[in-house]
Amino acid sequence: MDGDVIRAALDQELSRFGDHAIDASMTLIALDESAESVMIAALSERDWDVVVIGGGIRKPEPLLPLFEQVVNLVRRHARKAAIAFNTSGGDSVEAAKRWL
């Protein structure tokens, strides 16, 4: 998949949060040793109401250990946040709204 196309779609979805008056941010992680520190920094940035974990991490079977790591980091570093799952990059707003 084209990284620029994916990034444009994610940016469009992030702007949809603003259309719904939801203050949101998005964190993209590299599939390397930096993933954990990047996630901890993002989760510790503020008190989150909900964290949406995307299908790009959740769906590919080879990424199962990373998915587990993400869920556990959310539990540890954003304890008050609900955890939501989108079905695609285009319905993250709806996933978040289920818990807001």
PDB file of N, CA and C in Angstrom:
ATOM      1  N   MET A   1       0.839  -1.179   0.000  1.00  0.00           N
ATOM      2  CA  MET A   1       0.000   0.000   0.000  1.00  0.00           C
ATOM      3  C   MET A   1       0.887   1.246   0.000  1.00  0.00           C
ATOM      4  N   ASP A   2       0.396   2.279  -0.600  1.00  0.00           N
ATOM      5  CA  ASP A   2       1.107   3.547  -0.705  1.00  0.00           C
ATOM      6  C   ASP A   2       1.010   4.306   0.614  1.00  0.00           C
ATOM      7  N   GLY A   3       2.157   4.581   1.237  1.00  0.00           N
ATOM      8  CA  GLY A   3       2.177   5.279   2.517  1.00  0.00           C
ATOM      9  C   GLY A   3       1.541   6.653   2.469  1.00  0.00           C
ATOM     10  N   ASP A   4       1.716   7.375   1.351  1.00  0.00           N
ATOM     11  CA  ASP A   4       1.117   8.710   1.233  1.00  0.00           C
ATOM     12  C   ASP A   4      -0.403   8.623   1.191  1.00  0.00           C
ATOM     13  N   VAL A   5      -0.930   7.605   0.534  1.00  0.00           N
ATOM     14  CA  VAL A   5      -2.386   7.415   0.450  1.00  0.00           C
ATOM     15  C   VAL A   5      -2.939   7.086   1.830  1.00  0.00           C
ATOM     16  N   ILE A   6      -2.253   6.201   2.530  1.00  0.00           N
ATOM     17  CA  ILE A   6      -2.692   5.832   3.876  1.00  0.00           C
ATOM     18  C   ILE A   6      -2.656   7.048   4.799  1.00  0.00           C
ATOM     19  N   ARG A   7      -1.569   7.803   4.756  1.00  0.00           N
ATOM     20  CA  ARG A   7      -1.447   8.987   5.616  1.00  0.00           C
ATOM     21  C   ARG A   7      -2.546  10.003   5.312  1.00  0.00           C
ATOM     22  N   ALA A   8      -2.867  10.211   4.019  1.00  0.00           N
ATOM     23  CA  ALA A   8      -3.934  11.151   3.648  1.00  0.00           C
ATOM     24  C   ALA A   8      -5.276  10.691   4.210  1.00  0.00           C
ATOM     25  N   ALA A   9      -5.544   9.395   4.147  1.00  0.00           N
ATOM     26  CA  ALA A   9      -6.807   8.867   4.683  1.00  0.00           C
ATOM     27  C   ALA A   9      -6.860   9.043   6.196  1.00  0.00           C
ATOM     28  N   LEU A  10      -5.746   8.798   6.871  1.00  0.00           N
ATOM     29  CA  LEU A  10      -5.712   8.976   8.325  1.00  0.00           C
ATOM     30  C   LEU A  10      -5.871  10.443   8.707  1.00  0.00           C
ATOM     31  N   ASP A  11      -5.245  11.338   7.959  1.00  0.00           N
ATOM     32  CA  ASP A  11      -5.404  12.770   8.220  1.00  0.00           C
ATOM     33  C   ASP A  11      -6.850  13.212   8.013  1.00  0.00           C
ATOM     34  N   GLN A  12      -7.498  12.663   6.994  1.00  0.00           N
ATOM     35  CA  GLN A  12      -8.907  12.986   6.742  1.00  0.00           C
ATOM     36  C   GLN A  12      -9.771  12.511   7.911  1.00  0.00           C
ATOM     37  N   GLU A  13      -9.497  11.319   8.413  1.00  0.00           N
ATOM     38  CA  GLU A  13     -10.260  10.807   9.552  1.00  0.00           C
ATOM     39  C   GLU A  13     -10.011  11.659  10.795  1.00  0.00           C
ATOM     40  N   LEU A  14      -8.787  12.090  11.002  1.00  0.00           N
ATOM     41  CA  LEU A  14      -8.484  12.949  12.140  1.00  0.00           C
ATOM     42  C   LEU A  14      -9.258  14.260  12.045  1.00  0.00           C
ATOM     43  N   SER A  15      -9.397  14.809  10.846  1.00  0.00           N
ATOM     44  CA  SER A  15     -10.163  16.050  10.692  1.00  0.00           C
ATOM     45  C   SER A  15     -11.649  15.822  10.964  1.00  0.00           C
ATOM     46  N   ARG A  16     -12.139  14.601  10.733  1.00  0.00           N
ATOM     47  CA  ARG A  16     -13.548  14.290  11.053  1.00  0.00           C
ATOM     48  C   ARG A  16     -13.816  14.406  12.547  1.00  0.00           C
ATOM     49  N   PHE A  17     -12.818  14.093  13.377  1.00  0.00           N
ATOM     50  CA  PHE A  17     -13.006  14.264  14.820  1.00  0.00           C
ATOM     51  C   PHE A  17     -13.336  15.723  15.118  1.00  0.00           C
ATOM     52  N   GLY A  18     -12.619  16.646  14.487  1.00  0.00           N
ATOM     53  CA  GLY A  18     -12.900  18.068  14.666  1.00  0.00           C
ATOM     54  C   GLY A  18     -14.289  18.435  14.211  1.00  0.00           C
ATOM     55  N   ASP A  19     -14.758  17.833  13.119  1.00  0.00           N
ATOM     56  CA  ASP A  19     -16.115  18.079  12.622  1.00  0.00           C
ATOM     57  C   ASP A  19     -17.161  17.680  13.655  1.00  0.00           C
ATOM     58  N   HIS A  20     -16.811  16.751  14.534  1.00  0.00           N
ATOM     59  CA  HIS A  20     -17.723  16.274  15.579  1.00  0.00           C
ATOM     60  C   HIS A  20     -17.397  16.899  16.935  1.00  0.00           C
ATOM     61  N   ALA A  21     -16.576  17.944  16.911  1.00  0.00           N
ATOM     62  CA  ALA A  21     -16.176  18.666  18.125  1.00  0.00           C
ATOM     63  C   ALA A  21     -15.507  17.742  19.145  1.00  0.00           C
ATOM     64  N   ILE A  22     -14.722  16.800  18.646  1.00  0.00           N
ATOM     65  CA  ILE A  22     -13.975  15.890  19.506  1.00  0.00           C
ATOM     66  C   ILE A  22     -12.496  16.234  19.377  1.00  0.00           C
ATOM     67  N   ASP A  23     -11.882  16.562  20.500  1.00  0.00           N
ATOM     68  CA  ASP A  23     -10.453  16.845  20.522  1.00  0.00           C
ATOM     69  C   ASP A  23      -9.715  15.515  20.429  1.00  0.00           C
ATOM     70  N   ALA A  24      -8.940  15.332  19.391  1.00  0.00           N
ATOM     71  CA  ALA A  24      -8.289  14.041  19.157  1.00  0.00           C
ATOM     72  C   ALA A  24      -6.885  14.238  18.618  1.00  0.00           C
ATOM     73  N   SER A  25      -6.098  13.207  18.762  1.00  0.00           N
ATOM     74  CA  SER A  25      -4.802  13.158  18.107  1.00  0.00           C
ATOM     75  C   SER A  25      -4.568  11.727  17.654  1.00  0.00           C
ATOM     76  N   MET A  26      -3.622  11.579  16.764  1.00  0.00           N
ATOM     77  CA  MET A  26      -3.329  10.266  16.217  1.00  0.00           C
ATOM     78  C   MET A  26      -1.840  10.010  16.375  1.00  0.00           C
ATOM     79  N   THR A  27      -1.518   8.795  16.747  1.00  0.00           N
ATOM     80  CA  THR A  27      -0.125   8.408  16.881  1.00  0.00           C
ATOM     81  C   THR A  27       0.143   7.234  15.957  1.00  0.00           C
ATOM     82  N   LEU A  28       1.080   7.413  15.060  1.00  0.00           N
ATOM     83  CA  LEU A  28       1.516   6.327  14.189  1.00  0.00           C
ATOM     84  C   LEU A  28       2.793   5.760  14.777  1.00  0.00           C
ATOM     85  N   ILE A  29       2.879   4.447  14.780  1.00  0.00           N
ATOM     86  CA  ILE A  29       4.060   3.818  15.357  1.00  0.00           C
ATOM     87  C   ILE A  29       4.787   3.008  14.300  1.00  0.00           C
ATOM     88  N   ALA A  30       6.081   3.003  14.417  1.00  0.00           N
ATOM     89  CA  ALA A  30       6.904   2.174  13.534  1.00  0.00           C
ATOM     90  C   ALA A  30       6.951   0.763  14.124  1.00  0.00           C
ATOM     91  N   LEU A  31       7.094  -0.193  13.272  1.00  0.00           N
ATOM     92  CA  LEU A  31       7.144  -1.580  13.724  1.00  0.00           C
ATOM     93  C   LEU A  31       8.588  -1.945  14.079  1.00  0.00           C
ATOM     94  N   ASP A  32       9.103  -1.227  15.080  1.00  0.00           N
ATOM     95  CA  ASP A  32      10.471  -1.459  15.525  1.00  0.00           C
ATOM     96  C   ASP A  32      10.547  -1.211  17.022  1.00  0.00           C
ATOM     97  N   GLU A  33      11.751  -1.138  17.548  1.00  0.00           N
ATOM     98  CA  GLU A  33      11.953  -0.992  18.994  1.00  0.00           C
ATOM     99  C   GLU A  33      11.460   0.348  19.537  1.00  0.00           C
ATOM    100  N   SER A  34      11.169   1.308  18.672  1.00  0.00           N
ATOM    101  CA  SER A  34      10.678   2.609  19.139  1.00  0.00           C
ATOM    102  C   SER A  34       9.186   2.598  19.476  1.00  0.00           C
ATOM    103  N   ALA A  35       8.468   1.560  19.079  1.00  0.00           N
ATOM    104  CA  ALA A  35       7.009   1.539  19.230  1.00  0.00           C
ATOM    105  C   ALA A  35       6.566   1.771  20.674  1.00  0.00           C
ATOM    106  N   GLU A  36       7.167   1.064  21.613  1.00  0.00           N
ATOM    107  CA  GLU A  36       6.730   1.181  22.999  1.00  0.00           C
ATOM    108  C   GLU A  36       6.921   2.587  23.542  1.00  0.00           C
ATOM    109  N   SER A  37       8.070   3.190  23.337  1.00  0.00           N
ATOM    110  CA  SER A  37       8.297   4.528  23.885  1.00  0.00           C
ATOM    111  C   SER A  37       7.402   5.567  23.217  1.00  0.00           C
ATOM    112  N   VAL A  38       7.134   5.410  21.941  1.00  0.00           N
ATOM    113  CA  VAL A  38       6.234   6.336  21.241  1.00  0.00           C
ATOM    114  C   VAL A  38       4.818   6.213  21.807  1.00  0.00           C
ATOM    115  N   MET A  39       4.367   4.983  22.034  1.00  0.00           N
ATOM    116  CA  MET A  39       3.023   4.779  22.588  1.00  0.00           C
ATOM    117  C   MET A  39       2.917   5.323  24.002  1.00  0.00           C
ATOM    118  N   ILE A  40       3.920   5.073  24.827  1.00  0.00           N
ATOM    119  CA  ILE A  40       3.882   5.564  26.205  1.00  0.00           C
ATOM    120  C   ILE A  40       3.833   7.088  26.218  1.00  0.00           C
ATOM    121  N   ALA A  41       4.615   7.728  25.383  1.00  0.00           N
ATOM    122  CA  ALA A  41       4.601   9.195  25.320  1.00  0.00           C
ATOM    123  C   ALA A  41       3.222   9.704  24.921  1.00  0.00           C
ATOM    124  N   ALA A  42       2.616   9.099  23.925  1.00  0.00           N
ATOM    125  CA  ALA A  42       1.292   9.546  23.470  1.00  0.00           C
ATOM    126  C   ALA A  42       0.224   9.289  24.523  1.00  0.00           C
ATOM    127  N   LEU A  43       0.269   8.140  25.156  1.00  0.00           N
ATOM    128  CA  LEU A  43      -0.739   7.807  26.164  1.00  0.00           C
ATOM    129  C   LEU A  43      -0.588   8.649  27.422  1.00  0.00           C
ATOM    130  N   SER A  44       0.612   9.107  27.701  1.00  0.00           N
ATOM    131  CA  SER A  44       0.879   9.903  28.908  1.00  0.00           C
ATOM    132  C   SER A  44       0.705  11.397  28.673  1.00  0.00           C
ATOM    133  N   GLU A  45       0.435  11.777  27.457  1.00  0.00           N
ATOM    134  CA  GLU A  45       0.332  13.185  27.076  1.00  0.00           C
ATOM    135  C   GLU A  45      -0.753  13.921  27.851  1.00  0.00           C
ATOM    136  N   ARG A  46      -1.847  13.247  28.128  1.00  0.00           N
ATOM    137  CA  ARG A  46      -2.979  13.839  28.859  1.00  0.00           C
ATOM    138  C   ARG A  46      -3.910  12.723  29.282  1.00  0.00           C
ATOM    139  N   ASP A  47      -4.976  13.069  29.994  1.00  0.00           N
ATOM    140  CA  ASP A  47      -5.994  12.082  30.355  1.00  0.00           C
ATOM    141  C   ASP A  47      -6.906  11.872  29.155  1.00  0.00           C
ATOM    142  N   TRP A  48      -6.943  10.663  28.652  1.00  0.00           N
ATOM    143  CA  TRP A  48      -7.758  10.333  27.485  1.00  0.00           C
ATOM    144  C   TRP A  48      -9.092   9.746  27.924  1.00  0.00           C
ATOM    145  N   ASP A  49     -10.151  10.082  27.207  1.00  0.00           N
ATOM    146  CA  ASP A  49     -11.468   9.487  27.460  1.00  0.00           C
ATOM    147  C   ASP A  49     -11.595   8.144  26.746  1.00  0.00           C
ATOM    148  N   VAL A  50     -11.020   8.069  25.577  1.00  0.00           N
ATOM    149  CA  VAL A  50     -11.079   6.833  24.785  1.00  0.00           C
ATOM    150  C   VAL A  50      -9.832   6.746  23.915  1.00  0.00           C
ATOM    151  N   VAL A  51      -9.359   5.523  23.716  1.00  0.00           N
ATOM    152  CA  VAL A  51      -8.249   5.255  22.811  1.00  0.00           C
ATOM    153  C   VAL A  51      -8.778   4.282  21.757  1.00  0.00           C
ATOM    154  N   VAL A  52      -8.675   4.677  20.502  1.00  0.00           N
ATOM    155  CA  VAL A  52      -9.107   3.818  19.401  1.00  0.00           C
ATOM    156  C   VAL A  52      -7.869   3.106  18.859  1.00  0.00           C
ATOM    157  N   ILE A  53      -7.936   1.788  18.829  1.00  0.00           N
ATOM    158  CA  ILE A  53      -6.848   0.977  18.277  1.00  0.00           C
ATOM    159  C   ILE A  53      -7.283   0.515  16.899  1.00  0.00           C
ATOM    160  N   GLY A  54      -6.488   0.875  15.912  1.00  0.00           N
ATOM    161  CA  GLY A  54      -6.846   0.622  14.526  1.00  0.00           C
ATOM    162  C   GLY A  54      -6.606  -0.798  14.057  1.00  0.00           C
ATOM    163  N   GLY A  55      -7.307  -1.132  13.008  1.00  0.00           N
ATOM    164  CA  GLY A  55      -7.201  -2.450  12.410  1.00  0.00           C
ATOM    165  C   GLY A  55      -5.832  -2.751  11.835  1.00  0.00           C
ATOM    166  N   GLY A  56      -5.062  -1.706  11.513  1.00  0.00           N
ATOM    167  CA  GLY A  56      -3.723  -1.928  10.989  1.00  0.00           C
ATOM    168  C   GLY A  56      -2.821  -2.630  11.991  1.00  0.00           C
ATOM    169  N   ILE A  57      -3.126  -2.461  13.267  1.00  0.00           N
ATOM    170  CA  ILE A  57      -2.394  -3.157  14.331  1.00  0.00           C
ATOM    171  C   ILE A  57      -3.149  -4.411  14.750  1.00  0.00           C
ATOM    172  N   ARG A  58      -4.447  -4.335  14.756  1.00  0.00           N
ATOM    173  CA  ARG A  58      -5.272  -5.387  15.328  1.00  0.00           C
ATOM    174  C   ARG A  58      -5.488  -6.575  14.400  1.00  0.00           C
ATOM    175  N   LYS A  59      -5.581  -6.334  13.115  1.00  0.00           N
ATOM    176  CA  LYS A  59      -6.019  -7.387  12.204  1.00  0.00           C
ATOM    177  C   LYS A  59      -4.927  -8.320  11.686  1.00  0.00           C
ATOM    178  N   PRO A  60      -3.754  -7.828  11.304  1.00  0.00           N
ATOM    179  CA  PRO A  60      -2.765  -8.759  10.751  1.00  0.00           C
ATOM    180  C   PRO A  60      -2.253  -9.731  11.828  1.00  0.00           C
ATOM    181  N   GLU A  61      -2.431 -11.003  11.606  1.00  0.00           N
ATOM    182  CA  GLU A  61      -2.026 -12.002  12.595  1.00  0.00           C
ATOM    183  C   GLU A  61      -0.560 -11.879  13.024  1.00  0.00           C
ATOM    184  N   PRO A  62       0.364 -11.554  12.126  1.00  0.00           N
ATOM    185  CA  PRO A  62       1.753 -11.413  12.572  1.00  0.00           C
ATOM    186  C   PRO A  62       1.964 -10.279  13.590  1.00  0.00           C
ATOM    187  N   LEU A  63       1.011  -9.342  13.669  1.00  0.00           N
ATOM    188  CA  LEU A  63       1.144  -8.223  14.614  1.00  0.00           C
ATOM    189  C   LEU A  63       0.453  -8.486  15.949  1.00  0.00           C
ATOM    190  N   LEU A  64       0.014  -9.717  16.179  1.00  0.00           N
ATOM    191  CA  LEU A  64      -0.669 -10.034  17.430  1.00  0.00           C
ATOM    192  C   LEU A  64       0.137  -9.632  18.663  1.00  0.00           C
ATOM    193  N   PRO A  65       1.432  -9.909  18.737  1.00  0.00           N
ATOM    194  CA  PRO A  65       2.186  -9.459  19.924  1.00  0.00           C
ATOM    195  C   PRO A  65       2.177  -7.934  20.087  1.00  0.00           C
ATOM    196  N   LEU A  66       2.244  -7.197  18.993  1.00  0.00           N
ATOM    197  CA  LEU A  66       2.178  -5.733  19.072  1.00  0.00           C
ATOM    198  C   LEU A  66       0.802  -5.289  19.546  1.00  0.00           C
ATOM    199  N   PHE A  67      -0.242  -5.905  19.033  1.00  0.00           N
ATOM    200  CA  PHE A  67      -1.607  -5.581  19.464  1.00  0.00           C
ATOM    201  C   PHE A  67      -1.746  -5.797  20.978  1.00  0.00           C
ATOM    202  N   GLU A  68      -1.264  -6.917  21.468  1.00  0.00           N
ATOM    203  CA  GLU A  68      -1.324  -7.174  22.905  1.00  0.00           C
ATOM    204  C   GLU A  68      -0.551  -6.110  23.687  1.00  0.00           C
ATOM    205  N   GLN A  69       0.602  -5.732  23.170  1.00  0.00           N
ATOM    206  CA  GLN A  69       1.416  -4.707  23.817  1.00  0.00           C
ATOM    207  C   GLN A  69       0.656  -3.380  23.871  1.00  0.00           C
ATOM    208  N   VAL A  70       0.008  -3.015  22.774  1.00  0.00           N
ATOM    209  CA  VAL A  70      -0.751  -1.762  22.731  1.00  0.00           C
ATOM    210  C   VAL A  70      -1.859  -1.776  23.767  1.00  0.00           C
ATOM    211  N   VAL A  71      -2.639  -2.843  23.809  1.00  0.00           N
ATOM    212  CA  VAL A  71      -3.746  -2.928  24.772  1.00  0.00           C
ATOM    213  C   VAL A  71      -3.214  -2.806  26.197  1.00  0.00           C
ATOM    214  N   ASN A  72      -2.153  -3.503  26.503  1.00  0.00           N
ATOM    215  CA  ASN A  72      -1.604  -3.446  27.859  1.00  0.00           C
ATOM    216  C   ASN A  72      -1.003  -2.093  28.191  1.00  0.00           C
ATOM    217  N   LEU A  73      -0.408  -1.431  27.223  1.00  0.00           N
ATOM    218  CA  LEU A  73       0.102  -0.080  27.466  1.00  0.00           C
ATOM    219  C   LEU A  73      -1.037   0.904  27.707  1.00  0.00           C
ATOM    220  N   VAL A  74      -2.138   0.754  26.994  1.00  0.00           N
ATOM    221  CA  VAL A  74      -3.304   1.611  27.248  1.00  0.00           C
ATOM    222  C   VAL A  74      -3.793   1.376  28.673  1.00  0.00           C
ATOM    223  N   ARG A  75      -3.887   0.130  29.066  1.00  0.00           N
ATOM    224  CA  ARG A  75      -4.350  -0.189  30.426  1.00  0.00           C
ATOM    225  C   ARG A  75      -3.442   0.437  31.484  1.00  0.00           C
ATOM    226  N   ARG A  76      -2.143   0.484  31.230  1.00  0.00           N
ATOM    227  CA  ARG A  76      -1.197   1.011  32.217  1.00  0.00           C
ATOM    228  C   ARG A  76      -1.053   2.524  32.191  1.00  0.00           C
ATOM    229  N   HIS A  77      -1.110   3.120  31.011  1.00  0.00           N
ATOM    230  CA  HIS A  77      -0.759   4.542  30.875  1.00  0.00           C
ATOM    231  C   HIS A  77      -1.947   5.447  30.567  1.00  0.00           C
ATOM    232  N   ALA A  78      -3.101   4.874  30.338  1.00  0.00           N
ATOM    233  CA  ALA A  78      -4.330   5.662  30.125  1.00  0.00           C
ATOM    234  C   ALA A  78      -5.464   4.927  30.833  1.00  0.00           C
ATOM    235  N   ARG A  79      -5.275   4.751  32.117  1.00  0.00           N
ATOM    236  CA  ARG A  79      -6.166   3.892  32.910  1.00  0.00           C
ATOM    237  C   ARG A  79      -7.640   4.268  32.852  1.00  0.00           C
ATOM    238  N   LYS A  80      -7.926   5.540  32.705  1.00  0.00           N
ATOM    239  CA  LYS A  80      -9.324   5.988  32.683  1.00  0.00           C
ATOM    240  C   LYS A  80      -9.956   5.878  31.305  1.00  0.00           C
ATOM    241  N   ALA A  81      -9.162   5.609  30.297  1.00  0.00           N
ATOM    242  CA  ALA A  81      -9.657   5.602  28.919  1.00  0.00           C
ATOM    243  C   ALA A  81     -10.374   4.306  28.593  1.00  0.00           C
ATOM    244  N   ALA A  82     -11.498   4.458  27.891  1.00  0.00           N
ATOM    245  CA  ALA A  82     -12.135   3.299  27.282  1.00  0.00           C
ATOM    246  C   ALA A  82     -11.280   2.898  26.080  1.00  0.00           C
ATOM    247  N   ILE A  83     -11.359   1.643  25.705  1.00  0.00           N
ATOM    248  CA  ILE A  83     -10.647   1.164  24.522  1.00  0.00           C
ATOM    249  C   ILE A  83     -11.685   0.832  23.465  1.00  0.00           C
ATOM    250  N   ALA A  84     -11.498   1.409  22.284  1.00  0.00           N
ATOM    251  CA  ALA A  84     -12.419   1.175  21.172  1.00  0.00           C
ATOM    252  C   ALA A  84     -11.626   0.642  19.988  1.00  0.00           C
ATOM    253  N   PHE A  85     -12.326  -0.033  19.101  1.00  0.00           N
ATOM    254  CA  PHE A  85     -11.704  -0.598  17.907  1.00  0.00           C
ATOM    255  C   PHE A  85     -12.482  -0.151  16.686  1.00  0.00           C
ATOM    256  N   ASN A  86     -11.765   0.342  15.698  1.00  0.00           N
ATOM    257  CA  ASN A  86     -12.428   0.684  14.449  1.00  0.00           C
ATOM    258  C   ASN A  86     -12.419  -0.530  13.530  1.00  0.00           C
ATOM    259  N   THR A  87     -13.216  -0.469  12.470  1.00  0.00           N
ATOM    260  CA  THR A  87     -13.204  -1.560  11.495  1.00  0.00           C
ATOM    261  C   THR A  87     -12.357  -1.189  10.293  1.00  0.00           C
ATOM    262  N   SER A  88     -12.137   0.121  10.130  1.00  0.00           N
ATOM    263  CA  SER A  88     -11.281   0.631   9.059  1.00  0.00           C
ATOM    264  C   SER A  88     -10.804   2.008   9.482  1.00  0.00           C
ATOM    265  N   GLY A  89      -9.891   2.586   8.699  1.00  0.00           N
ATOM    266  CA  GLY A  89      -9.418   3.923   9.013  1.00  0.00           C
ATOM    267  C   GLY A  89     -10.487   4.985   8.875  1.00  0.00           C
ATOM    268  N   GLY A  90     -11.635   4.635   8.298  1.00  0.00           N
ATOM    269  CA  GLY A  90     -12.692   5.606   8.058  1.00  0.00           C
ATOM    270  C   GLY A  90     -13.803   5.622   9.081  1.00  0.00           C
ATOM    271  N   ASP A  91     -13.701   4.823  10.138  1.00  0.00           N
ATOM    272  CA  ASP A  91     -14.776   4.862  11.138  1.00  0.00           C
ATOM    273  C   ASP A  91     -14.243   4.976  12.568  1.00  0.00           C
ATOM    274  N   SER A  92     -13.114   5.636  12.707  1.00  0.00           N
ATOM    275  CA  SER A  92     -12.558   5.847  14.042  1.00  0.00           C
ATOM    276  C   SER A  92     -13.426   6.781  14.880  1.00  0.00           C
ATOM    277  N   VAL A  93     -14.027   7.761  14.240  1.00  0.00           N
ATOM    278  CA  VAL A  93     -14.920   8.682  14.966  1.00  0.00           C
ATOM    279  C   VAL A  93     -16.081   7.902  15.567  1.00  0.00           C
ATOM    280  N   GLU A  94     -16.675   7.042  14.771  1.00  0.00           N
ATOM    281  CA  GLU A  94     -17.816   6.256  15.265  1.00  0.00           C
ATOM    282  C   GLU A  94     -17.387   5.323  16.390  1.00  0.00           C
ATOM    283  N   ALA A  95     -16.186   4.744  16.256  1.00  0.00           N
ATOM    284  CA  ALA A  95     -15.683   3.866  17.319  1.00  0.00           C
ATOM    285  C   ALA A  95     -15.513   4.653  18.614  1.00  0.00           C
ATOM    286  N   ALA A  96     -14.928   5.834  18.541  1.00  0.00           N
ATOM    287  CA  ALA A  96     -14.735   6.663  19.724  1.00  0.00           C
ATOM    288  C   ALA A  96     -16.077   7.103  20.306  1.00  0.00           C
ATOM    289  N   LYS A  97     -17.010   7.483  19.468  1.00  0.00           N
ATOM    290  CA  LYS A  97     -18.304   7.991  19.954  1.00  0.00           C
ATOM    291  C   LYS A  97     -19.091   6.936  20.708  1.00  0.00           C
ATOM    292  N   ARG A  98     -18.835   5.659  20.444  1.00  0.00           N
ATOM    293  CA  ARG A  98     -19.531   4.612  21.211  1.00  0.00           C
ATOM    294  C   ARG A  98     -19.192   4.693  22.683  1.00  0.00           C
ATOM    295  N   TRP A  99     -18.044   5.317  23.033  1.00  0.00           N
ATOM    296  CA  TRP A  99     -17.583   5.358  24.420  1.00  0.00           C
ATOM    297  C   TRP A  99     -17.545   6.771  24.992  1.00  0.00           C
ATOM    298  N   LEU A 100     -17.924   7.759  24.213  1.00  0.00           N
ATOM    299  CA  LEU A 100     -17.929   9.141  24.716  1.00  0.00           C
ATOM    300  C   LEU A 100     -19.308   9.531  25.212  1.00  0.00           C
TER     301      LEU A 100
END
